[in-house]
PDB file of N, CA and C in Angstrom:
ATOM      1  N   MET A   1       0.836  -1.176   0.000  1.00  0.00           N
ATOM      2  CA  MET A   1       0.000   0.000   0.000  1.00  0.00           C
ATOM      3  C   MET A   1       0.880   1.237   0.000  1.00  0.00           C
ATOM      4  N   THR A   2       0.400   2.288  -0.572  1.00  0.00           N
ATOM      5  CA  THR A   2       1.165   3.520  -0.621  1.00  0.00           C
ATOM      6  C   THR A   2       0.972   4.295   0.667  1.00  0.00           C
ATOM      7  N   GLY A   3       1.715   5.377   0.803  1.00  0.00           N
ATOM      8  CA  GLY A   3       1.660   6.172   2.019  1.00  0.00           C
ATOM      9  C   GLY A   3       0.308   6.822   2.249  1.00  0.00           C
ATOM     10  N   HIS A   4      -0.485   7.018   1.188  1.00  0.00           N
ATOM     11  CA  HIS A   4      -1.772   7.676   1.361  1.00  0.00           C
ATOM     12  C   HIS A   4      -2.926   6.683   1.440  1.00  0.00           C
ATOM     13  N   GLY A   5      -2.650   5.402   1.614  1.00  0.00           N
ATOM     14  CA  GLY A   5      -3.695   4.415   1.865  1.00  0.00           C
ATOM     15  C   GLY A   5      -4.243   3.725   0.632  1.00  0.00           C
ATOM     16  N   GLY A   6      -3.786   4.078  -0.563  1.00  0.00           N
ATOM     17  CA  GLY A   6      -4.272   3.436  -1.776  1.00  0.00           C
ATOM     18  C   GLY A   6      -3.448   2.205  -2.121  1.00  0.00           C
ATOM     19  N   HIS A   7      -3.905   1.487  -3.125  1.00  0.00           N
ATOM     20  CA  HIS A   7      -3.175   0.304  -3.583  1.00  0.00           C
ATOM     21  C   HIS A   7      -2.317   0.674  -4.783  1.00  0.00           C
ATOM     22  N   ARG A   8      -1.169   0.023  -4.895  1.00  0.00           N
ATOM     23  CA  ARG A   8      -0.297   0.265  -6.033  1.00  0.00           C
ATOM     24  C   ARG A   8      -0.841  -0.450  -7.256  1.00  0.00           C
ATOM     25  N   THR A   9      -0.632   0.168  -8.401  1.00  0.00           N
ATOM     26  CA  THR A   9      -1.030  -0.469  -9.655  1.00  0.00           C
ATOM     27  C   THR A   9       0.021  -1.509 -10.025  1.00  0.00           C
ATOM     28  N   GLN A  10      -0.310  -2.355 -10.998  1.00  0.00           N
ATOM     29  CA  GLN A  10       0.649  -3.353 -11.463  1.00  0.00           C
ATOM     30  C   GLN A  10       1.885  -2.681 -12.037  1.00  0.00           C
ATOM     31  N   ALA A  11       1.711  -1.562 -12.725  1.00  0.00           N
ATOM     32  CA  ALA A  11       2.851  -0.843 -13.290  1.00  0.00           C
ATOM     33  C   ALA A  11       3.770  -0.328 -12.187  1.00  0.00           C
ATOM     34  N   GLU A  12       3.198   0.170 -11.096  1.00  0.00           N
ATOM     35  CA  GLU A  12       4.013   0.643  -9.980  1.00  0.00           C
ATOM     36  C   GLU A  12       4.768  -0.515  -9.321  1.00  0.00           C
ATOM     37  N   ARG A  13       4.101  -1.647  -9.161  1.00  0.00           N
ATOM     38  CA  ARG A  13       4.774  -2.816  -8.571  1.00  0.00           C
ATOM     39  C   ARG A  13       5.890  -3.300  -9.477  1.00  0.00           C
ATOM     40  N   ASP A  14       5.655  -3.308 -10.787  1.00  0.00           N
ATOM     41  CA  ASP A  14       6.698  -3.713 -11.735  1.00  0.00           C
ATOM     42  C   ASP A  14       7.885  -2.752 -11.691  1.00  0.00           C
ATOM     43  N   ALA A  15       7.597  -1.453 -11.610  1.00  0.00           N
ATOM     44  CA  ALA A  15       8.663  -0.458 -11.552  1.00  0.00           C
ATOM     45  C   ALA A  15       9.505  -0.636 -10.291  1.00  0.00           C
ATOM     46  N   ILE A  16       8.861  -0.933  -9.177  1.00  0.00           N
ATOM     47  CA  ILE A  16       9.587  -1.146  -7.923  1.00  0.00           C
ATOM     48  C   ILE A  16      10.475  -2.380  -8.040  1.00  0.00           C
ATOM     49  N   THR A  17       9.939  -3.449  -8.629  1.00  0.00           N
ATOM     50  CA  THR A  17      10.710  -4.684  -8.791  1.00  0.00           C
ATOM     51  C   THR A  17      11.937  -4.447  -9.660  1.00  0.00           C
ATOM     52  N   VAL A  18      11.766  -3.749 -10.759  1.00  0.00           N
ATOM     53  CA  VAL A  18      12.887  -3.455 -11.655  1.00  0.00           C
ATOM     54  C   VAL A  18      13.916  -2.587 -10.940  1.00  0.00           C
ATOM     55  N   GLU A  19      13.443  -1.601 -10.196  1.00  0.00           N
ATOM     56  CA  GLU A  19      14.367  -0.701  -9.503  1.00  0.00           C
ATOM     57  C   GLU A  19      15.161  -1.429  -8.417  1.00  0.00           C
ATOM     58  N   ILE A  20      14.524  -2.344  -7.702  1.00  0.00           N
ATOM     59  CA  ILE A  20      15.233  -3.132  -6.691  1.00  0.00           C
ATOM     60  C   ILE A  20      16.299  -4.005  -7.356  1.00  0.00           C
ATOM     61  N   GLY A  21      15.945  -4.635  -8.468  1.00  0.00           N
ATOM     62  CA  GLY A  21      16.925  -5.443  -9.196  1.00  0.00           C
ATOM     63  C   GLY A  21      18.098  -4.613  -9.677  1.00  0.00           C
ATOM     64  N   TYR A  22      17.793  -3.430 -10.223  1.00  0.00           N
ATOM     65  CA  TYR A  22      18.856  -2.532 -10.674  1.00  0.00           C
ATOM     66  C   TYR A  22      19.746  -2.123  -9.507  1.00  0.00           C
ATOM     67  N   ALA A  23      19.129  -1.787  -8.379  1.00  0.00           N
ATOM     68  CA  ALA A  23      19.903  -1.368  -7.205  1.00  0.00           C
ATOM     69  C   ALA A  23      20.839  -2.482  -6.751  1.00  0.00           C
ATOM     70  N   LEU A  24      20.336  -3.710  -6.695  1.00  0.00           N
ATOM     71  CA  LEU A  24      21.160  -4.829  -6.230  1.00  0.00           C
ATOM     72  C   LEU A  24      22.297  -5.154  -7.196  1.00  0.00           C
ATOM     73  N   PHE A  25      21.987  -5.225  -8.487  1.00  0.00           N
ATOM     74  CA  PHE A  25      23.025  -5.562  -9.467  1.00  0.00           C
ATOM     75  C   PHE A  25      24.068  -4.466  -9.597  1.00  0.00           C
ATOM     76  N   SER A  26      23.642  -3.199  -9.629  1.00  0.00           N
ATOM     77  CA  SER A  26      24.623  -2.127  -9.750  1.00  0.00           C
ATOM     78  C   SER A  26      25.471  -2.015  -8.485  1.00  0.00           C
ATOM     79  N   ALA A  27      24.872  -2.293  -7.321  1.00  0.00           N
ATOM     80  CA  ALA A  27      25.637  -2.264  -6.075  1.00  0.00           C
ATOM     81  C   ALA A  27      26.647  -3.403  -6.028  1.00  0.00           C
ATOM     82  N   ALA A  28      26.235  -4.580  -6.477  1.00  0.00           N
ATOM     83  CA  ALA A  28      27.169  -5.715  -6.500  1.00  0.00           C
ATOM     84  C   ALA A  28      28.332  -5.428  -7.449  1.00  0.00           C
ATOM     85  N   PHE A  29      28.029  -4.840  -8.589  1.00  0.00           N
ATOM     86  CA  PHE A  29      29.086  -4.502  -9.543  1.00  0.00           C
ATOM     87  C   PHE A  29      30.042  -3.468  -8.952  1.00  0.00           C
ATOM     88  N   ALA A  30      29.504  -2.419  -8.348  1.00  0.00           N
ATOM     89  CA  ALA A  30      30.344  -1.376  -7.762  1.00  0.00           C
ATOM     90  C   ALA A  30      31.214  -1.941  -6.638  1.00  0.00           C
ATOM     91  N   ALA A  31      30.621  -2.796  -5.807  1.00  0.00           N
ATOM     92  CA  ALA A  31      31.381  -3.393  -4.699  1.00  0.00           C
ATOM     93  C   ALA A  31      32.486  -4.306  -5.232  1.00  0.00           C
ATOM     94  N   ALA A  32      32.187  -5.086  -6.266  1.00  0.00           N
ATOM     95  CA  ALA A  32      33.188  -5.986  -6.841  1.00  0.00           C
ATOM     96  C   ALA A  32      34.339  -5.207  -7.474  1.00  0.00           C
ATOM     97  N   VAL A  33      34.010  -4.137  -8.178  1.00  0.00           N
ATOM     98  CA  VAL A  33      35.055  -3.315  -8.798  1.00  0.00           C
ATOM     99  C   VAL A  33      35.931  -2.679  -7.726  1.00  0.00           C
ATOM    100  N   LEU A  34      35.302  -2.167  -6.689  1.00  0.00           N
ATOM    101  CA  LEU A  34      36.078  -1.541  -5.625  1.00  0.00           C
ATOM    102  C   LEU A  34      36.947  -2.569  -4.891  1.00  0.00           C
ATOM    103  N   PHE A  35      36.378  -3.737  -4.615  1.00  0.00           N
ATOM    104  CA  PHE A  35      37.170  -4.792  -3.968  1.00  0.00           C
ATOM    105  C   PHE A  35      38.366  -5.156  -4.839  1.00  0.00           C
ATOM    106  N   GLY A  36      38.136  -5.298  -6.142  1.00  0.00           N
ATOM    107  CA  GLY A  36      39.225  -5.623  -7.051  1.00  0.00           C
ATOM    108  C   GLY A  36      40.297  -4.550  -7.091  1.00  0.00           C
ATOM    109  N   ALA A  37      39.864  -3.297  -7.025  1.00  0.00           N
ATOM    110  CA  ALA A  37      40.836  -2.205  -7.060  1.00  0.00           C
ATOM    111  C   ALA A  37      41.670  -2.143  -5.784  1.00  0.00           C
ATOM    112  N   VAL A  38      41.023  -2.427  -4.645  1.00  0.00           N
ATOM    113  CA  VAL A  38      41.749  -2.337  -3.376  1.00  0.00           C
ATOM    114  C   VAL A  38      42.542  -3.611  -3.098  1.00  0.00           C
ATOM    115  N   ALA A  39      41.890  -4.760  -3.212  1.00  0.00           N
ATOM    116  CA  ALA A  39      42.535  -6.017  -2.846  1.00  0.00           C
ATOM    117  C   ALA A  39      43.238  -6.697  -4.019  1.00  0.00           C
ATOM    118  N   GLY A  40      42.981  -6.244  -5.224  1.00  0.00           N
ATOM    119  CA  GLY A  40      43.576  -6.857  -6.410  1.00  0.00           C
ATOM    120  C   GLY A  40      45.078  -6.962  -6.383  1.00  0.00           C
ATOM    121  N   PRO A  41      45.774  -5.900  -6.034  1.00  0.00           N
ATOM    122  CA  PRO A  41      47.238  -6.008  -5.995  1.00  0.00           C
ATOM    123  C   PRO A  41      47.734  -7.088  -5.022  1.00  0.00           C
ATOM    124  N   ALA A  42      47.017  -7.260  -3.925  1.00  0.00           N
ATOM    125  CA  ALA A  42      47.419  -8.286  -2.960  1.00  0.00           C
ATOM    126  C   ALA A  42      47.205  -9.687  -3.530  1.00  0.00           C
ATOM    127  N   LEU A  43      46.218  -9.825  -4.384  1.00  0.00           N
ATOM    128  CA  LEU A  43      45.927 -11.129  -4.969  1.00  0.00           C
ATOM    129  C   LEU A  43      46.784 -11.422  -6.201  1.00  0.00           C
ATOM    130  N   LEU A  44      47.232 -10.387  -6.885  1.00  0.00           N
ATOM    131  CA  LEU A  44      47.983 -10.574  -8.129  1.00  0.00           C
ATOM    132  C   LEU A  44      49.497 -10.589  -7.940  1.00  0.00           C
ATOM    133  N   PHE A  45      49.988  -9.854  -6.971  1.00  0.00           N
ATOM    134  CA  PHE A  45      51.436  -9.687  -6.827  1.00  0.00           C
ATOM    135  C   PHE A  45      51.914 -10.262  -5.504  1.00  0.00           C
ATOM    136  N   GLU A  46      53.202 -10.577  -5.485  1.00  0.00           N
ATOM    137  CA  GLU A  46      53.840 -11.012  -4.244  1.00  0.00           C
ATOM    138  C   GLU A  46      54.178  -9.770  -3.421  1.00  0.00           C
ATOM    139  N   LEU A  47      53.373  -9.515  -2.407  1.00  0.00           N
ATOM    140  CA  LEU A  47      53.606  -8.371  -1.534  1.00  0.00           C
ATOM    141  C   LEU A  47      53.964  -8.879  -0.146  1.00  0.00           C
ATOM    142  N   PRO A  48      54.567  -8.027   0.666  1.00  0.00           N
ATOM    143  CA  PRO A  48      54.833  -8.446   2.048  1.00  0.00           C
ATOM    144  C   PRO A  48      53.522  -8.840   2.753  1.00  0.00           C
ATOM    145  N   ASP A  49      53.604  -9.837   3.619  1.00  0.00           N
ATOM    146  CA  ASP A  49      52.408 -10.356   4.288  1.00  0.00           C
ATOM    147  C   ASP A  49      51.576  -9.287   4.992  1.00  0.00           C
ATOM    148  N   PRO A  50      52.188  -8.374   5.747  1.00  0.00           N
ATOM    149  CA  PRO A  50      51.349  -7.363   6.416  1.00  0.00           C
ATOM    150  C   PRO A  50      50.581  -6.490   5.416  1.00  0.00           C
ATOM    151  N   LEU A  51      51.220  -6.142   4.309  1.00  0.00           N
ATOM    152  CA  LEU A  51      50.555  -5.312   3.301  1.00  0.00           C
ATOM    153  C   LEU A  51      49.415  -6.086   2.629  1.00  0.00           C
ATOM    154  N   GLU A  52      49.641  -7.363   2.338  1.00  0.00           N
ATOM    155  CA  GLU A  52      48.575  -8.186   1.759  1.00  0.00           C
ATOM    156  C   GLU A  52      47.365  -8.240   2.680  1.00  0.00           C
ATOM    157  N   LYS A  53      47.619  -8.460   3.951  1.00  0.00           N
ATOM    158  CA  LYS A  53      46.520  -8.536   4.920  1.00  0.00           C
ATOM    159  C   LYS A  53      45.762  -7.220   5.011  1.00  0.00           C
ATOM    160  N   VAL A  54      46.491  -6.111   5.017  1.00  0.00           N
ATOM    161  CA  VAL A  54      45.849  -4.799   5.094  1.00  0.00           C
ATOM    162  C   VAL A  54      44.975  -4.552   3.861  1.00  0.00           C
ATOM    163  N   LEU A  55      45.499  -4.853   2.683  1.00  0.00           N
ATOM    164  CA  LEU A  55      44.732  -4.626   1.455  1.00  0.00           C
ATOM    165  C   LEU A  55      43.498  -5.519   1.398  1.00  0.00           C
ATOM    166  N   LEU A  56      43.645  -6.788   1.753  1.00  0.00           N
ATOM    167  CA  LEU A  56      42.491  -7.694   1.742  1.00  0.00           C
ATOM    168  C   LEU A  56      41.437  -7.265   2.751  1.00  0.00           C
ATOM    169  N   ARG A  57      41.869  -6.912   3.941  1.00  0.00           N
ATOM    170  CA  ARG A  57      40.909  -6.479   4.961  1.00  0.00           C
ATOM    171  C   ARG A  57      40.247  -5.167   4.579  1.00  0.00           C
ATOM    172  N   ALA A  58      41.002  -4.269   3.983  1.00  0.00           N
ATOM    173  CA  ALA A  58      40.417  -2.996   3.537  1.00  0.00           C
ATOM    174  C   ALA A  58      39.373  -3.248   2.451  1.00  0.00           C
ATOM    175  N   GLY A  59      39.690  -4.122   1.509  1.00  0.00           N
ATOM    176  CA  GLY A  59      38.718  -4.461   0.466  1.00  0.00           C
ATOM    177  C   GLY A  59      37.475  -5.116   1.031  1.00  0.00           C
ATOM    178  N   LEU A  60      37.668  -6.021   1.993  1.00  0.00           N
ATOM    179  CA  LEU A  60      36.525  -6.689   2.626  1.00  0.00           C
ATOM    180  C   LEU A  60      35.712  -5.744   3.498  1.00  0.00           C
ATOM    181  N   ALA A  61      36.317  -4.696   3.996  1.00  0.00           N
ATOM    182  CA  ALA A  61      35.590  -3.733   4.821  1.00  0.00           C
ATOM    183  C   ALA A  61      34.847  -2.707   3.978  1.00  0.00           C
ATOM    184  N   VAL A  62      35.462  -2.273   2.889  1.00  0.00           N
ATOM    185  CA  VAL A  62      34.880  -1.188   2.092  1.00  0.00           C
ATOM    186  C   VAL A  62      33.807  -1.698   1.125  1.00  0.00           C
ATOM    187  N   ALA A  63      33.964  -2.892   0.581  1.00  0.00           N
ATOM    188  CA  ALA A  63      33.013  -3.406  -0.411  1.00  0.00           C
ATOM    189  C   ALA A  63      31.582  -3.481   0.123  1.00  0.00           C
ATOM    190  N   PRO A  64      31.320  -4.023   1.308  1.00  0.00           N
ATOM    191  CA  PRO A  64      29.931  -4.050   1.801  1.00  0.00           C
ATOM    192  C   PRO A  64      29.366  -2.657   2.060  1.00  0.00           C
ATOM    193  N   VAL A  65      30.231  -1.737   2.478  1.00  0.00           N
ATOM    194  CA  VAL A  65      29.763  -0.365   2.705  1.00  0.00           C
ATOM    195  C   VAL A  65      29.325   0.258   1.382  1.00  0.00           C
ATOM    196  N   VAL A  66      30.130   0.084   0.347  1.00  0.00           N
ATOM    197  CA  VAL A  66      29.780   0.616  -0.978  1.00  0.00           C
ATOM    198  C   VAL A  66      28.490  -0.036  -1.473  1.00  0.00           C
ATOM    199  N   PHE A  67      28.350  -1.346  -1.257  1.00  0.00           N
ATOM    200  CA  PHE A  67      27.136  -2.054  -1.663  1.00  0.00           C
ATOM    201  C   PHE A  67      25.907  -1.429  -1.001  1.00  0.00           C
ATOM    202  N   LEU A  68      25.944  -1.256   0.296  1.00  0.00           N
ATOM    203  CA  LEU A  68      24.787  -0.703   1.015  1.00  0.00           C
ATOM    204  C   LEU A  68      24.495   0.739   0.623  1.00  0.00           C
ATOM    205  N   VAL A  69      25.538   1.535   0.491  1.00  0.00           N
ATOM    206  CA  VAL A  69      25.336   2.934   0.107  1.00  0.00           C
ATOM    207  C   VAL A  69      24.709   3.016  -1.278  1.00  0.00           C
ATOM    208  N   ARG A  70      25.166   2.189  -2.195  1.00  0.00           N
ATOM    209  CA  ARG A  70      24.609   2.202  -3.552  1.00  0.00           C
ATOM    210  C   ARG A  70      23.143   1.777  -3.562  1.00  0.00           C
ATOM    211  N   VAL A  71      22.810   0.698  -2.865  1.00  0.00           N
ATOM    212  CA  VAL A  71      21.419   0.231  -2.818  1.00  0.00           C
ATOM    213  C   VAL A  71      20.526   1.307  -2.228  1.00  0.00           C
ATOM    214  N   VAL A  72      20.926   1.859  -1.112  1.00  0.00           N
ATOM    215  CA  VAL A  72      20.101   2.869  -0.443  1.00  0.00           C
ATOM    216  C   VAL A  72      19.949   4.106  -1.319  1.00  0.00           C
ATOM    217  N   SER A  73      21.026   4.572  -1.941  1.00  0.00           N
ATOM    218  CA  SER A  73      20.931   5.785  -2.760  1.00  0.00           C
ATOM    219  C   SER A  73      20.036   5.579  -3.976  1.00  0.00           C
ATOM    220  N   VAL A  74      20.113   4.420  -4.617  1.00  0.00           N
ATOM    221  CA  VAL A  74      19.250   4.155  -5.775  1.00  0.00           C
ATOM    222  C   VAL A  74      17.784   4.099  -5.348  1.00  0.00           C
ATOM    223  N   LEU A  75      17.504   3.415  -4.244  1.00  0.00           N
ATOM    224  CA  LEU A  75      16.114   3.282  -3.811  1.00  0.00           C
ATOM    225  C   LEU A  75      15.547   4.595  -3.284  1.00  0.00           C
ATOM    226  N   ILE A  76      16.355   5.412  -2.628  1.00  0.00           N
ATOM    227  CA  ILE A  76      15.872   6.724  -2.179  1.00  0.00           C
ATOM    228  C   ILE A  76      15.582   7.612  -3.376  1.00  0.00           C
ATOM    229  N   ARG A  77      16.465   7.586  -4.372  1.00  0.00           N
ATOM    230  CA  ARG A  77      16.236   8.385  -5.583  1.00  0.00           C
ATOM    231  C   ARG A  77      14.950   7.939  -6.275  1.00  0.00           C
ATOM    232  N   PHE A  78      14.746   6.636  -6.366  1.00  0.00           N
ATOM    233  CA  PHE A  78      13.530   6.125  -6.996  1.00  0.00           C
ATOM    234  C   PHE A  78      12.295   6.559  -6.214  1.00  0.00           C
ATOM    235  N   ARG A  79      12.367   6.466  -4.896  1.00  0.00           N
ATOM    236  CA  ARG A  79      11.216   6.844  -4.071  1.00  0.00           C
ATOM    237  C   ARG A  79      10.869   8.316  -4.260  1.00  0.00           C
ATOM    238  N   SER A  80      11.884   9.188  -4.293  1.00  0.00           N
ATOM    239  CA  SER A  80      11.598  10.615  -4.456  1.00  0.00           C
ATOM    240  C   SER A  80      11.030  10.915  -5.842  1.00  0.00           C
ATOM    241  N   GLU A  81      11.531  10.226  -6.868  1.00  0.00           N
ATOM    242  CA  GLU A  81      10.983  10.429  -8.210  1.00  0.00           C
ATOM    243  C   GLU A  81       9.558   9.896  -8.322  1.00  0.00           C
ATOM    244  N   ALA A  82       9.297   8.748  -7.691  1.00  0.00           N
ATOM    245  CA  ALA A  82       7.951   8.175  -7.729  1.00  0.00           C
ATOM    246  C   ALA A  82       6.972   9.056  -6.969  1.00  0.00           C
ATOM    247  N   THR A  83       7.400   9.609  -5.857  1.00  0.00           N
ATOM    248  CA  THR A  83       6.542  10.498  -5.080  1.00  0.00           C
ATOM    249  C   THR A  83       6.234  11.756  -5.883  1.00  0.00           C
ATOM    250  N   ALA A  84       7.237  12.304  -6.549  1.00  0.00           N
ATOM    251  CA  ALA A  84       7.024  13.499  -7.364  1.00  0.00           C
ATOM    252  C   ALA A  84       6.080  13.201  -8.523  1.00  0.00           C
ATOM    253  N   ALA A  85       6.219  12.037  -9.138  1.00  0.00           N
ATOM    254  CA  ALA A  85       5.342  11.676 -10.253  1.00  0.00           C
ATOM    255  C   ALA A  85       3.905  11.486  -9.773  1.00  0.00           C
ATOM    256  N   ARG A  86       3.735  10.855  -8.599  1.00  0.00           N
ATOM    257  CA  ARG A  86       2.384  10.681  -8.049  1.00  0.00           C
ATOM    258  C   ARG A  86       1.765  12.019  -7.707  1.00  0.00           C
ATOM    259  N   THR A  87       2.556  12.937  -7.169  1.00  0.00           N
ATOM    260  CA  THR A  87       2.057  14.272  -6.827  1.00  0.00           C
ATOM    261  C   THR A  87       1.625  15.010  -8.083  1.00  0.00           C
ATOM    262  N   ASP A  88       2.442  14.915  -9.150  1.00  0.00           N
ATOM    263  CA  ASP A  88       2.075  15.555 -10.420  1.00  0.00           C
ATOM    264  C   ASP A  88       0.803  14.951 -10.984  1.00  0.00           C
ATOM    265  N   ALA A  89       0.678  13.635 -10.920  1.00  0.00           N
ATOM    266  CA  ALA A  89      -0.511  12.967 -11.453  1.00  0.00           C
ATOM    267  C   ALA A  89      -1.743  13.333 -10.641  1.00  0.00           C
ATOM    268  N   ALA A  90      -1.605  13.433  -9.337  1.00  0.00           N
ATOM    269  CA  ALA A  90      -2.740  13.761  -8.478  1.00  0.00           C
ATOM    270  C   ALA A  90      -3.182  15.207  -8.680  1.00  0.00           C
ATOM    271  N   SER A  91      -2.240  16.095  -8.974  1.00  0.00           N
ATOM    272  CA  SER A  91      -2.587  17.501  -9.150  1.00  0.00           C
ATOM    273  C   SER A  91      -3.021  17.797 -10.587  1.00  0.00           C
ATOM    274  N   GLY A  92      -2.836  16.824 -11.473  1.00  0.00           N
ATOM    275  CA  GLY A  92      -3.217  17.037 -12.867  1.00  0.00           C
ATOM    276  C   GLY A  92      -2.193  17.818 -13.648  1.00  0.00           C
ATOM    277  N   ASP A  93      -1.034  18.028 -13.084  1.00  0.00           N
ATOM    278  CA  ASP A  93       0.033  18.790 -13.729  1.00  0.00           C
ATOM    279  C   ASP A  93       1.005  17.825 -14.375  1.00  0.00           C
ATOM    280  N   GLY A  94       0.807  17.511 -15.628  1.00  0.00           N
ATOM    281  CA  GLY A  94       1.671  16.576 -16.324  1.00  0.00           C
ATOM    282  C   GLY A  94       2.960  17.196 -16.793  1.00  0.00           C
ATOM    283  N   ASP A  95       3.094  18.532 -16.691  1.00  0.00           N
ATOM    284  CA  ASP A  95       4.288  19.203 -17.179  1.00  0.00           C
ATOM    285  C   ASP A  95       5.521  18.894 -16.347  1.00  0.00           C
ATOM    286  N   GLY A  96       5.352  18.536 -15.069  1.00  0.00           N
ATOM    287  CA  GLY A  96       6.486  18.257 -14.202  1.00  0.00           C
ATOM    288  C   GLY A  96       7.311  17.102 -14.714  1.00  0.00           C
ATOM    289  N   GLU A  97       6.670  16.067 -15.217  1.00  0.00           N
ATOM    290  CA  GLU A  97       7.396  14.903 -15.733  1.00  0.00           C
ATOM    291  C   GLU A  97       8.166  15.286 -16.989  1.00  0.00           C
ATOM    292  N   ILE A  98       7.567  16.088 -17.860  1.00  0.00           N
ATOM    293  CA  ILE A  98       8.246  16.488 -19.090  1.00  0.00           C
ATOM    294  C   ILE A  98       9.444  17.376 -18.756  1.00  0.00           C
ATOM    295  N   GLU A  99       9.296  18.284 -17.774  1.00  0.00           N
ATOM    296  CA  GLU A  99      10.401  19.157 -17.408  1.00  0.00           C
ATOM    297  C   GLU A  99      11.563  18.361 -16.846  1.00  0.00           C
ATOM    298  N   ARG A 100      11.312  17.331 -16.030  1.00  0.00           N
ATOM    299  CA  ARG A 100      12.393  16.533 -15.453  1.00  0.00           C
ATOM    300  C   ARG A 100      13.120  15.741 -16.522  1.00  0.00           C
ATOM    301  N   ARG A 101      12.485  15.406 -17.603  1.00  0.00           N
ATOM    302  CA  ARG A 101      13.108  14.595 -18.642  1.00  0.00           C
ATOM    303  C   ARG A 101      13.708  15.459 -19.753  1.00  0.00           C
ATOM    304  N   GLY A 102      13.982  16.688 -19.475  1.00  0.00           N
ATOM    305  CA  GLY A 102      14.651  17.541 -20.441  1.00  0.00           C
ATOM    306  C   GLY A 102      13.752  17.987 -21.581  1.00  0.00           C
ATOM    307  N   GLY A 103      12.460  18.182 -21.333  1.00  0.00           N
ATOM    308  CA  GLY A 103      11.563  18.672 -22.345  1.00  0.00           C
ATOM    309  C   GLY A 103      10.956  17.595 -23.220  1.00  0.00           C
ATOM    310  N   GLN A 104      11.282  16.342 -22.994  1.00  0.00           N
ATOM    311  CA  GLN A 104      10.735  15.252 -23.787  1.00  0.00           C
ATOM    312  C   GLN A 104       9.496  14.682 -23.097  1.00  0.00           C
ATOM    313  N   PRO A 105       8.486  14.285 -23.880  1.00  0.00           N
ATOM    314  CA  PRO A 105       7.328  13.651 -23.261  1.00  0.00           C
ATOM    315  C   PRO A 105       7.719  12.317 -22.634  1.00  0.00           C
ATOM    316  N   SER A 106       6.991  11.921 -21.598  1.00  0.00           N
ATOM    317  CA  SER A 106       7.341  10.697 -20.882  1.00  0.00           C
ATOM    318  C   SER A 106       7.018   9.443 -21.690  1.00  0.00           C
ATOM    319  N   GLN A 107       6.110   9.550 -22.659  1.00  0.00           N
ATOM    320  CA  GLN A 107       5.782   8.413 -23.500  1.00  0.00           C
ATOM    321  C   GLN A 107       5.733   8.873 -24.955  1.00  0.00           C
ATOM    322  N   PRO A 108       6.194   8.041 -25.871  1.00  0.00           N
ATOM    323  CA  PRO A 108       6.161   8.421 -27.281  1.00  0.00           C
ATOM    324  C   PRO A 108       4.732   8.713 -27.735  1.00  0.00           C
ATOM    325  N   GLY A 109       4.599   9.729 -28.528  1.00  0.00           N
ATOM    326  CA  GLY A 109       3.300  10.077 -29.068  1.00  0.00           C
ATOM    327  C   GLY A 109       2.497  11.019 -28.197  1.00  0.00           C
ATOM    328  N   LEU A 110       2.944  11.302 -26.993  1.00  0.00           N
ATOM    329  CA  LEU A 110       2.229  12.210 -26.120  1.00  0.00           C
ATOM    330  C   LEU A 110       2.910  13.567 -26.177  1.00  0.00           C
ATOM    331  N   THR A 111       2.455  14.393 -27.084  1.00  0.00           N
ATOM    332  CA  THR A 111       3.022  15.726 -27.217  1.00  0.00           C
ATOM    333  C   THR A 111       1.907  16.746 -26.997  1.00  0.00           C
ATOM    334  N   SER A 112       2.309  17.933 -26.686  1.00  0.00           N
ATOM    335  CA  SER A 112       1.311  18.984 -26.511  1.00  0.00           C
ATOM    336  C   SER A 112       0.895  19.477 -27.891  1.00  0.00           C
ATOM    337  N   PRO A 113      -0.300  20.043 -28.013  1.00  0.00           N
ATOM    338  CA  PRO A 113      -0.779  20.499 -29.329  1.00  0.00           C
ATOM    339  C   PRO A 113       0.095  21.587 -29.952  1.00  0.00           C
ATOM    340  N   ASP A 114       0.863  22.298 -29.144  1.00  0.00           N
ATOM    341  CA  ASP A 114       1.672  23.393 -29.662  1.00  0.00           C
ATOM    342  C   ASP A 114       2.992  22.931 -30.250  1.00  0.00           C
ATOM    343  N   SER A 115       3.331  21.629 -30.151  1.00  0.00           N
ATOM    344  CA  SER A 115       4.669  21.217 -30.602  1.00  0.00           C
ATOM    345  C   SER A 115       4.717  20.802 -32.023  1.00  0.00           C
TER     346      SER A 115
END
């Protein structure tokens, strides 16, 4: 249910599902890249043992943080955009969506009569 007591449409549920998947996959990718950048030298080269341990531990510490920050930031951004779109739809002001997308209509074929 939404914050105002209504039920979500199938399109809204689908959008949430896609956004969650995007958040998880992009976060996993970012965390893996960061882990590789930090811990990669320890895994690829013969380094002194203390340095290897520091790099591996740093990679293991930073990767989950990056994962969580990425997931949360994507989902917060989606929530704020969805809230703004619902507010525009409820007020009957469809121009807000077009303005956010750089002047392009949100769906093909939906143009104003003046264009």
